[in-house]
C-alpha atoms as a PDB file:
ATOM      1  CA  UNK A   1      26.341  29.855  28.151  1.00  0.00           C
ATOM      2  CA  UNK A   2      22.733  28.621  28.046  1.00  0.00           C
ATOM      3  CA  UNK A   3      21.887  31.914  25.997  1.00  0.00           C
ATOM      4  CA  UNK A   4      24.575  31.141  23.433  1.00  0.00           C
ATOM      5  CA  UNK A   5      23.558  27.621  23.267  1.00  0.00           C
ATOM      6  CA  UNK A   6      20.133  28.205  22.397  1.00  0.00           C
ATOM      7  CA  UNK A   7      21.419  31.324  19.864  1.00  0.00           C
ATOM      8  CA  UNK A   8      24.040  28.382  18.441  1.00  0.00           C
ATOM      9  CA  UNK A   9      20.861  25.790  17.972  1.00  0.00           C
ATOM     10  CA  UNK A  10      18.450  28.674  16.957  1.00  0.00           C
ATOM     11  CA  UNK A  11      20.673  29.195  13.889  1.00  0.00           C
ATOM     12  CA  UNK A  12      21.595  25.317  13.216  1.00  0.00           C
ATOM     13  CA  UNK A  13      17.866  24.601  12.968  1.00  0.00           C
ATOM     14  CA  UNK A  14      17.345  27.802  10.348  1.00  0.00           C
ATOM     15  CA  UNK A  15      19.922  26.667   8.157  1.00  0.00           C
ATOM     16  CA  UNK A  16      18.259  23.186   8.213  1.00  0.00           C
ATOM     17  CA  UNK A  17      14.938  24.698   7.434  1.00  0.00           C
ATOM     18  CA  UNK A  18      16.381  27.463   4.870  1.00  0.00           C
ATOM     19  CA  UNK A  19      17.792  24.675   2.906  1.00  0.00           C
ATOM     20  CA  UNK A  20      14.848  22.229   3.078  1.00  0.00           C
ATOM     21  CA  UNK A  21      12.411  25.404   1.597  1.00  0.00           C
ATOM     22  CA  UNK A  22      14.788  25.925  -1.125  1.00  0.00           C
ATOM     23  CA  UNK A  23      14.869  22.401  -1.756  1.00  0.00           C
ATOM     24  CA  UNK A  24      11.330  21.856  -1.743  1.00  0.00           C
ATOM     25  CA  UNK A  25      10.906  25.271  -4.258  1.00  0.00           C
ATOM     26  CA  UNK A  26      13.565  24.081  -6.405  1.00  0.00           C
ATOM     27  CA  UNK A  27      11.706  21.097  -7.260  1.00  0.00           C
ATOM     28  CA  UNK A  28       8.259  22.649  -6.793  1.00  0.00           C
ATOM     29  CA  UNK A  29       9.648  25.081  -9.993  1.00  0.00           C
ATOM     30  CA  UNK A  30      10.509  21.770 -11.761  1.00  0.00           C
ATOM     31  CA  UNK A  31       8.016  20.431 -14.453  1.00  0.00           C
ATOM     32  CA  UNK A  32       9.304  17.552 -15.194  1.00  0.00           C
ATOM     33  CA  UNK A  33       9.192  16.281 -11.368  1.00  0.00           C
ATOM     34  CA  UNK A  34       6.048  17.651 -10.228  1.00  0.00           C
ATOM     35  CA  UNK A  35       3.613  17.371 -13.170  1.00  0.00           C
ATOM     36  CA  UNK A  36       3.875  13.304 -12.816  1.00  0.00           C
ATOM     37  CA  UNK A  37       4.669  13.328  -8.980  1.00  0.00           C
ATOM     38  CA  UNK A  38       1.595  15.144  -7.809  1.00  0.00           C
ATOM     39  CA  UNK A  39      -0.778  14.357 -11.122  1.00  0.00           C
ATOM     40  CA  UNK A  40      -0.437  10.979 -11.675  1.00  0.00           C
ATOM     41  CA  UNK A  41      -1.914   9.125  -8.595  1.00  0.00           C
ATOM     42  CA  UNK A  42      -4.750  11.701  -8.857  1.00  0.00           C
ATOM     43  CA  UNK A  43      -5.421  11.032 -12.281  1.00  0.00           C
ATOM     44  CA  UNK A  44      -5.084   7.415 -11.932  1.00  0.00           C
ATOM     45  CA  UNK A  45      -7.462   7.590  -8.354  1.00  0.00           C
ATOM     46  CA  UNK A  46     -10.275   9.708 -10.800  1.00  0.00           C
ATOM     47  CA  UNK A  47     -10.279   6.747 -13.764  1.00  0.00           C
ATOM     48  CA  UNK A  48      -9.911   3.370 -11.621  1.00  0.00           C
ATOM     49  CA  UNK A  49     -11.292   4.848  -8.433  1.00  0.00           C
ATOM     50  CA  UNK A  50     -14.128   7.102  -9.260  1.00  0.00           C
ATOM     51  CA  UNK A  51     -15.271   6.502 -12.985  1.00  0.00           C
ATOM     52  CA  UNK A  52     -14.535   2.251 -12.748  1.00  0.00           C
ATOM     53  CA  UNK A  53     -15.053   2.177  -9.526  1.00  0.00           C
ATOM     54  CA  UNK A  54     -18.922   1.850 -10.110  1.00  0.00           C
ATOM     55  CA  UNK A  55     -18.801  -1.788 -11.644  1.00  0.00           C
ATOM     56  CA  UNK A  56     -16.255  -2.962  -9.354  1.00  0.00           C
ATOM     57  CA  UNK A  57     -17.406  -2.347  -5.787  1.00  0.00           C
ATOM     58  CA  UNK A  58     -18.206   1.560  -5.589  1.00  0.00           C
ATOM     59  CA  UNK A  59     -16.923   2.946  -2.484  1.00  0.00           C
ATOM     60  CA  UNK A  60     -15.449  -0.747  -1.594  1.00  0.00           C
ATOM     61  CA  UNK A  61     -12.787  -0.184  -4.634  1.00  0.00           C
ATOM     62  CA  UNK A  62     -12.816   3.848  -3.850  1.00  0.00           C
ATOM     63  CA  UNK A  63     -11.612   3.326  -0.725  1.00  0.00           C
ATOM     64  CA  UNK A  64      -9.060   0.233  -1.580  1.00  0.00           C
ATOM     65  CA  UNK A  65      -7.356   2.720  -4.126  1.00  0.00           C
ATOM     66  CA  UNK A  66      -7.353   6.095  -1.576  1.00  0.00           C
ATOM     67  CA  UNK A  67      -5.107   3.845   0.624  1.00  0.00           C
ATOM     68  CA  UNK A  68      -3.095   2.061  -2.163  1.00  0.00           C
ATOM     69  CA  UNK A  69      -2.569   4.917  -4.466  1.00  0.00           C
ATOM     70  CA  UNK A  70      -1.380   7.251  -1.751  1.00  0.00           C
ATOM     71  CA  UNK A  71       1.240   4.714  -1.287  1.00  0.00           C
ATOM     72  CA  UNK A  72       2.135   4.756  -4.748  1.00  0.00           C
ATOM     73  CA  UNK A  73       2.570   8.602  -4.971  1.00  0.00           C
ATOM     74  CA  UNK A  74       4.173   8.871  -2.135  1.00  0.00           C
ATOM     75  CA  UNK A  75       6.866   6.658  -3.100  1.00  0.00           C
ATOM     76  CA  UNK A  76       7.356   8.657  -6.350  1.00  0.00           C
ATOM     77  CA  UNK A  77       7.926  11.733  -4.601  1.00  0.00           C
ATOM     78  CA  UNK A  78      10.738   9.963  -2.336  1.00  0.00           C
ATOM     79  CA  UNK A  79      12.221   7.739  -5.057  1.00  0.00           C
ATOM     80  CA  UNK A  80      12.322  10.552  -7.679  1.00  0.00           C
ATOM     81  CA  UNK A  81      13.098  13.110  -5.279  1.00  0.00           C
ATOM     82  CA  UNK A  82      16.377  11.495  -3.604  1.00  0.00           C
ATOM     83  CA  UNK A  83      17.287   8.610  -6.075  1.00  0.00           C
ATOM     84  CA  UNK A  84      17.562  11.016  -9.382  1.00  0.00           C
ATOM     85  CA  UNK A  85      18.181  14.491  -7.735  1.00  0.00           C
ATOM     86  CA  UNK A  86      20.968  12.413  -5.585  1.00  0.00           C
ATOM     87  CA  UNK A  87      22.512  11.066  -8.747  1.00  0.00           C
ATOM     88  CA  UNK A  88      22.406  14.057 -10.848  1.00  0.00           C
ATOM     89  CA  UNK A  89      23.834  16.133  -7.754  1.00  0.00           C
ATOM     90  CA  UNK A  90      26.870  13.454  -7.737  1.00  0.00           C
ATOM     91  CA  UNK A  91      27.634  13.290 -11.292  1.00  0.00           C
ATOM     92  CA  UNK A  92      27.659  16.907 -11.776  1.00  0.00           C
ATOM     93  CA  UNK A  93      29.790  17.191  -8.404  1.00  0.00           C
ATOM     94  CA  UNK A  94      27.258  19.012  -6.228  1.00  0.00           C
ATOM     95  CA  UNK A  95      27.722  16.671  -3.510  1.00  0.00           C
ATOM     96  CA  UNK A  96      31.410  17.583  -3.170  1.00  0.00           C
ATOM     97  CA  UNK A  97      30.786  21.494  -3.101  1.00  0.00           C
ATOM     98  CA  UNK A  98      28.091  21.047  -0.724  1.00  0.00           C
ATOM     99  CA  UNK A  99      30.735  19.864   1.608  1.00  0.00           C
ATOM    100  CA  UNK A 100      33.039  22.271   0.718  1.00  0.00           C
ATOM    101  CA  UNK A 101      30.413  24.608   2.271  1.00  0.00           C
ATOM    102  CA  UNK A 102      29.980  26.074   5.592  1.00  0.00           C
ATOM    103  CA  UNK A 103      26.613  24.417   6.048  1.00  0.00           C
ATOM    104  CA  UNK A 104      25.594  21.685   8.947  1.00  0.00           C
ATOM    105  CA  UNK A 105      26.317  18.033   7.948  1.00  0.00           C
ATOM    106  CA  UNK A 106      23.572  16.643   6.663  1.00  0.00           C
ATOM    107  CA  UNK A 107      21.503  19.420   6.169  1.00  0.00           C
ATOM    108  CA  UNK A 108      21.037  18.541   2.169  1.00  0.00           C
ATOM    109  CA  UNK A 109      19.595  15.293   3.376  1.00  0.00           C
ATOM    110  CA  UNK A 110      17.026  16.648   5.358  1.00  0.00           C
ATOM    111  CA  UNK A 111      16.134  19.061   2.975  1.00  0.00           C
ATOM    112  CA  UNK A 112      15.507  16.209   0.908  1.00  0.00           C
ATOM    113  CA  UNK A 113      13.346  14.220   3.379  1.00  0.00           C
ATOM    114  CA  UNK A 114      11.438  17.410   4.201  1.00  0.00           C
ATOM    115  CA  UNK A 115      10.624  18.040   0.646  1.00  0.00           C
ATOM    116  CA  UNK A 116       9.458  14.050   0.161  1.00  0.00           C
ATOM    117  CA  UNK A 117       6.984  14.574   3.159  1.00  0.00           C
ATOM    118  CA  UNK A 118       5.780  18.080   1.888  1.00  0.00           C
ATOM    119  CA  UNK A 119       4.872  16.345  -1.690  1.00  0.00           C
ATOM    120  CA  UNK A 120       3.470  13.205   0.278  1.00  0.00           C
ATOM    121  CA  UNK A 121       1.264  15.882   2.353  1.00  0.00           C
ATOM    122  CA  UNK A 122      -0.185  17.390  -0.489  1.00  0.00           C
ATOM    123  CA  UNK A 123      -0.633  14.248  -2.116  1.00  0.00           C
ATOM    124  CA  UNK A 124      -2.556  12.437   0.611  1.00  0.00           C
ATOM    125  CA  UNK A 125      -4.966  15.745   0.870  1.00  0.00           C
ATOM    126  CA  UNK A 126      -5.509  15.750  -3.044  1.00  0.00           C
ATOM    127  CA  UNK A 127      -6.469  12.424  -2.989  1.00  0.00           C
ATOM    128  CA  UNK A 128      -8.739  12.784   0.107  1.00  0.00           C
ATOM    129  CA  UNK A 129     -10.229  15.495  -1.440  1.00  0.00           C
ATOM    130  CA  UNK A 130     -10.983  12.938  -4.473  1.00  0.00           C
ATOM    131  CA  UNK A 131     -12.356  10.288  -2.618  1.00  0.00           C
ATOM    132  CA  UNK A 132     -14.714  12.445  -0.253  1.00  0.00           C
ATOM    133  CA  UNK A 133     -16.147  14.476  -3.158  1.00  0.00           C
ATOM    134  CA  UNK A 134     -15.984  12.303  -6.449  1.00  0.00           C
ATOM    135  CA  UNK A 135     -16.185   8.641  -4.788  1.00  0.00           C
ATOM    136  CA  UNK A 136     -18.159   9.307  -1.726  1.00  0.00           C
ATOM    137  CA  UNK A 137     -15.622   7.762   0.651  1.00  0.00           C
ATOM    138  CA  UNK A 138     -16.574   7.945   4.388  1.00  0.00           C
ATOM    139  CA  UNK A 139     -13.791   7.536   6.998  1.00  0.00           C
ATOM    140  CA  UNK A 140     -14.321   8.291  10.547  1.00  0.00           C
ATOM    141  CA  UNK A 141     -11.591  11.993  11.226  1.00  0.00           C
ATOM    142  CA  UNK A 142      -9.078   9.533  13.170  1.00  0.00           C
ATOM    143  CA  UNK A 143      -9.085   7.073  10.144  1.00  0.00           C
ATOM    144  CA  UNK A 144      -8.420  10.589   7.888  1.00  0.00           C
ATOM    145  CA  UNK A 145      -5.732  11.478  10.417  1.00  0.00           C
ATOM    146  CA  UNK A 146      -4.112   8.189  10.405  1.00  0.00           C
ATOM    147  CA  UNK A 147      -3.938   7.747   6.622  1.00  0.00           C
ATOM    148  CA  UNK A 148      -2.237  10.947   6.367  1.00  0.00           C
ATOM    149  CA  UNK A 149       0.401  10.248   8.851  1.00  0.00           C
ATOM    150  CA  UNK A 150       1.346   6.780   7.417  1.00  0.00           C
ATOM    151  CA  UNK A 151       1.769   8.091   4.268  1.00  0.00           C
ATOM    152  CA  UNK A 152       3.659  11.025   5.124  1.00  0.00           C
ATOM    153  CA  UNK A 153       5.912   8.920   7.499  1.00  0.00           C
ATOM    154  CA  UNK A 154       6.042   5.875   4.880  1.00  0.00           C
ATOM    155  CA  UNK A 155       8.574   8.581   2.739  1.00  0.00           C
ATOM    156  CA  UNK A 156      11.237   7.278   5.125  1.00  0.00           C
ATOM    157  CA  UNK A 157      11.881   3.847   3.754  1.00  0.00           C
ATOM    158  CA  UNK A 158      11.714   5.064   0.169  1.00  0.00           C
ATOM    159  CA  UNK A 159      13.664   7.972   0.982  1.00  0.00           C
ATOM    160  CA  UNK A 160      16.269   5.703   2.100  1.00  0.00           C
ATOM    161  CA  UNK A 161      15.931   3.281  -0.710  1.00  0.00           C
ATOM    162  CA  UNK A 162      16.449   6.060  -3.369  1.00  0.00           C
ATOM    163  CA  UNK A 163      19.315   7.536  -1.421  1.00  0.00           C
ATOM    164  CA  UNK A 164      20.878   3.866  -2.323  1.00  0.00           C
ATOM    165  CA  UNK A 165      19.792   3.954  -5.845  1.00  0.00           C
ATOM    166  CA  UNK A 166      20.972   7.461  -6.160  1.00  0.00           C
ATOM    167  CA  UNK A 167      24.900   6.427  -4.811  1.00  0.00           C
ATOM    168  CA  UNK A 168      24.745   3.797  -7.383  1.00  0.00           C
ATOM    169  CA  UNK A 169      23.657   5.233 -10.605  1.00  0.00           C
ATOM    170  CA  UNK A 170      24.322   8.068 -12.922  1.00  0.00           C
ATOM    171  CA  UNK A 171      22.365  11.175 -13.365  1.00  0.00           C
ATOM    172  CA  UNK A 172      21.437  10.292 -16.616  1.00  0.00           C
ATOM    173  CA  UNK A 173      20.501   6.606 -16.069  1.00  0.00           C
ATOM    174  CA  UNK A 174      18.988   7.553 -12.492  1.00  0.00           C
ATOM    175  CA  UNK A 175      14.929   8.041 -14.109  1.00  0.00           C
ATOM    176  CA  UNK A 176      14.934   4.832 -15.820  1.00  0.00           C
ATOM    177  CA  UNK A 177      16.667   2.826 -12.892  1.00  0.00           C
ATOM    178  CA  UNK A 178      13.909   4.321 -10.616  1.00  0.00           C
ATOM    179  CA  UNK A 179      11.260   3.615 -12.960  1.00  0.00           C
ATOM    180  CA  UNK A 180      12.390  -0.208 -13.510  1.00  0.00           C
ATOM    181  CA  UNK A 181      11.967  -0.391  -9.574  1.00  0.00           C
ATOM    182  CA  UNK A 182       9.152   1.937  -8.901  1.00  0.00           C
ATOM    183  CA  UNK A 183       6.427   0.485 -11.311  1.00  0.00           C
ATOM    184  CA  UNK A 184       6.714  -2.958 -10.916  1.00  0.00           C
ATOM    185  CA  UNK A 185       7.174  -3.255  -7.705  1.00  0.00           C
ATOM    186  CA  UNK A 186       3.758  -0.813  -7.287  1.00  0.00           C
ATOM    187  CA  UNK A 187       1.951  -3.500  -9.239  1.00  0.00           C
ATOM    188  CA  UNK A 188       3.614  -6.808  -7.497  1.00  0.00           C
ATOM    189  CA  UNK A 189       2.663  -5.215  -4.004  1.00  0.00           C
ATOM    190  CA  UNK A 190      -0.655  -4.953  -5.091  1.00  0.00           C
ATOM    191  CA  UNK A 191      -1.067  -1.203  -5.007  1.00  0.00           C
ATOM    192  CA  UNK A 192      -2.931  -1.317  -8.292  1.00  0.00           C
ATOM    193  CA  UNK A 193      -5.421  -3.952  -8.154  1.00  0.00           C
ATOM    194  CA  UNK A 194      -5.830  -6.416  -4.637  1.00  0.00           C
ATOM    195  CA  UNK A 195      -3.327  -9.272  -4.815  1.00  0.00           C
ATOM    196  CA  UNK A 196      -6.277 -11.481  -4.672  1.00  0.00           C
ATOM    197  CA  UNK A 197      -7.435 -10.744  -8.642  1.00  0.00           C
ATOM    198  CA  UNK A 198      -3.380 -11.442  -9.584  1.00  0.00           C
ATOM    199  CA  UNK A 199      -2.192 -14.773 -10.009  1.00  0.00           C
ATOM    200  CA  UNK A 200      -1.174 -16.609  -6.990  1.00  0.00           C
ATOM    201  CA  UNK A 201       2.643 -16.566  -7.184  1.00  0.00           C
ATOM    202  CA  UNK A 202       2.723 -12.899  -7.175  1.00  0.00           C
ATOM    203  CA  UNK A 203       0.870 -12.588  -3.840  1.00  0.00           C
ATOM    204  CA  UNK A 204       3.403 -15.697  -2.590  1.00  0.00           C
ATOM    205  CA  UNK A 205       6.376 -12.866  -3.577  1.00  0.00           C
ATOM    206  CA  UNK A 206       4.691 -10.011  -2.298  1.00  0.00           C
ATOM    207  CA  UNK A 207       6.312  -9.543   1.101  1.00  0.00           C
ATOM    208  CA  UNK A 208       9.540  -9.274  -0.166  1.00  0.00           C
ATOM    209  CA  UNK A 209       8.629  -5.979  -1.655  1.00  0.00           C
ATOM    210  CA  UNK A 210       8.855  -2.628   0.926  1.00  0.00           C
ATOM    211  CA  UNK A 211       5.787  -0.956  -0.908  1.00  0.00           C
ATOM    212  CA  UNK A 212       3.289  -4.158  -0.037  1.00  0.00           C
ATOM    213  CA  UNK A 213       4.426  -3.583   4.156  1.00  0.00           C
ATOM    214  CA  UNK A 214       3.869  -0.106   3.524  1.00  0.00           C
ATOM    215  CA  UNK A 215       0.382  -0.755   1.966  1.00  0.00           C
ATOM    216  CA  UNK A 216      -0.923  -3.370   4.084  1.00  0.00           C
ATOM    217  CA  UNK A 217      -0.667  -0.442   7.016  1.00  0.00           C
ATOM    218  CA  UNK A 218      -2.410   1.962   4.894  1.00  0.00           C
ATOM    219  CA  UNK A 219      -5.106  -0.552   3.635  1.00  0.00           C
ATOM    220  CA  UNK A 220      -5.580  -1.641   7.336  1.00  0.00           C
ATOM    221  CA  UNK A 221      -6.784   1.797   8.086  1.00  0.00           C
ATOM    222  CA  UNK A 222      -9.663   1.358   5.734  1.00  0.00           C
ATOM    223  CA  UNK A 223     -10.471  -2.326   6.623  1.00  0.00           C
ATOM    224  CA  UNK A 224      -8.536  -4.072   3.260  1.00  0.00           C
ATOM    225  CA  UNK A 225      -5.778  -5.304   4.591  1.00  0.00           C
ATOM    226  CA  UNK A 226      -4.558  -8.567   3.906  1.00  0.00           C
ATOM    227  CA  UNK A 227      -2.676  -9.333   6.959  1.00  0.00           C
ATOM    228  CA  UNK A 228      -3.182  -7.500  10.152  1.00  0.00           C
ATOM    229  CA  UNK A 229       0.287  -7.907  11.942  1.00  0.00           C
ATOM    230  CA  UNK A 230       1.331  -4.147  11.793  1.00  0.00           C
ATOM    231  CA  UNK A 231       4.466  -4.418  13.609  1.00  0.00           C
ATOM    232  CA  UNK A 232       6.054  -7.183  11.109  1.00  0.00           C
ATOM    233  CA  UNK A 233       5.452  -4.924   8.410  1.00  0.00           C
ATOM    234  CA  UNK A 234       7.130  -2.073  10.435  1.00  0.00           C
ATOM    235  CA  UNK A 235       9.785  -4.161  11.567  1.00  0.00           C
ATOM    236  CA  UNK A 236      10.312  -4.986   7.649  1.00  0.00           C
ATOM    237  CA  UNK A 237      10.416  -1.132   6.511  1.00  0.00           C
ATOM    238  CA  UNK A 238      12.657  -0.088   9.826  1.00  0.00           C
ATOM    239  CA  UNK A 239      15.505  -2.836   8.591  1.00  0.00           C
ATOM    240  CA  UNK A 240      15.147  -2.227   4.975  1.00  0.00           C
ATOM    241  CA  UNK A 241      15.740   1.566   5.853  1.00  0.00           C
ATOM    242  CA  UNK A 242      18.592   0.733   8.219  1.00  0.00           C
ATOM    243  CA  UNK A 243      20.234  -1.252   5.186  1.00  0.00           C
ATOM    244  CA  UNK A 244      19.665   1.251   2.653  1.00  0.00           C
ATOM    245  CA  UNK A 245      21.186   3.647   4.812  1.00  0.00           C
ATOM    246  CA  UNK A 246      24.276   1.792   5.275  1.00  0.00           C
ATOM    247  CA  UNK A 247      25.086   0.741   1.685  1.00  0.00           C
ATOM    248  CA  UNK A 248      24.666   4.469   0.668  1.00  0.00           C
ATOM    249  CA  UNK A 249      26.657   5.816   3.558  1.00  0.00           C
ATOM    250  CA  UNK A 250      29.472   3.399   2.347  1.00  0.00           C
ATOM    251  CA  UNK A 251      28.776   4.423  -1.481  1.00  0.00           C
ATOM    252  CA  UNK A 252      29.263   8.709  -0.676  1.00  0.00           C
ATOM    253  CA  UNK A 253      32.264   7.908   1.575  1.00  0.00           C
ATOM    254  CA  UNK A 254      34.002   5.730  -0.983  1.00  0.00           C
ATOM    255  CA  UNK A 255      33.134   8.390  -3.370  1.00  0.00           C
ATOM    256  CA  UNK A 256      34.170  11.450  -1.154  1.00  0.00           C
ATOM    257  CA  UNK A 257      37.583   9.936  -0.356  1.00  0.00           C
ATOM    258  CA  UNK A 258      38.457   8.896  -4.160  1.00  0.00           C
ATOM    259  CA  UNK A 259      38.151   5.024  -3.427  1.00  0.00           C
ATOM    260  CA  UNK A 260      35.215   4.147  -5.590  1.00  0.00           C
ATOM    261  CA  UNK A 261      32.902   5.184  -8.339  1.00  0.00           C
END
């Protein structure tokens, strides 16, 4: 019995990992996704964290933008990797097809989550290389590790948000809708520049955005956080993730039984 159970678990894990591998390779071979997802955070960091940082505080600015652009980058991988692909797959009937296949329940969501985490890891490593080689940023080993883990695990709330958005809009509208949320939210939460240099009303409303809370956690690692209450930031992200998952599940369940569009 134990041997059979282990064999079944091994087969199940193999199915999940195979689906995750194919999802990652599929998006890695999609230039419209992989190029902006990997290059935009790196290009923005080189421009603002390296080229222009010398006149604005040097390494201090570079350290701030290392953390904030890391969050900005993993948001893109999560929102587009989840939100846009889910919307397209809904519209084309792929989700219905996957439910009819003999695959483990939830394997396609697990695959998309692993895909987002792998892209987040690549973005984190790429920014770290630019920060150390071009910007002169120096952090303790535990800071580098913690920043990497925050970026990779930080995909979770934005994957949940992306799943909800993908359950709401059509495949053709999804890229525009995600951009209308992704870019303003990044600016309004202080990821592009510190909230201290923005108008006061933006800083007051910044805590309503999930990107602000993940950004503050990441900035705390490099010593630039405005708020040090890590538990409050984590609590907000957990609550938001749970709400988005609840709303997305309800929406997808209604579509699967034909009671909603």
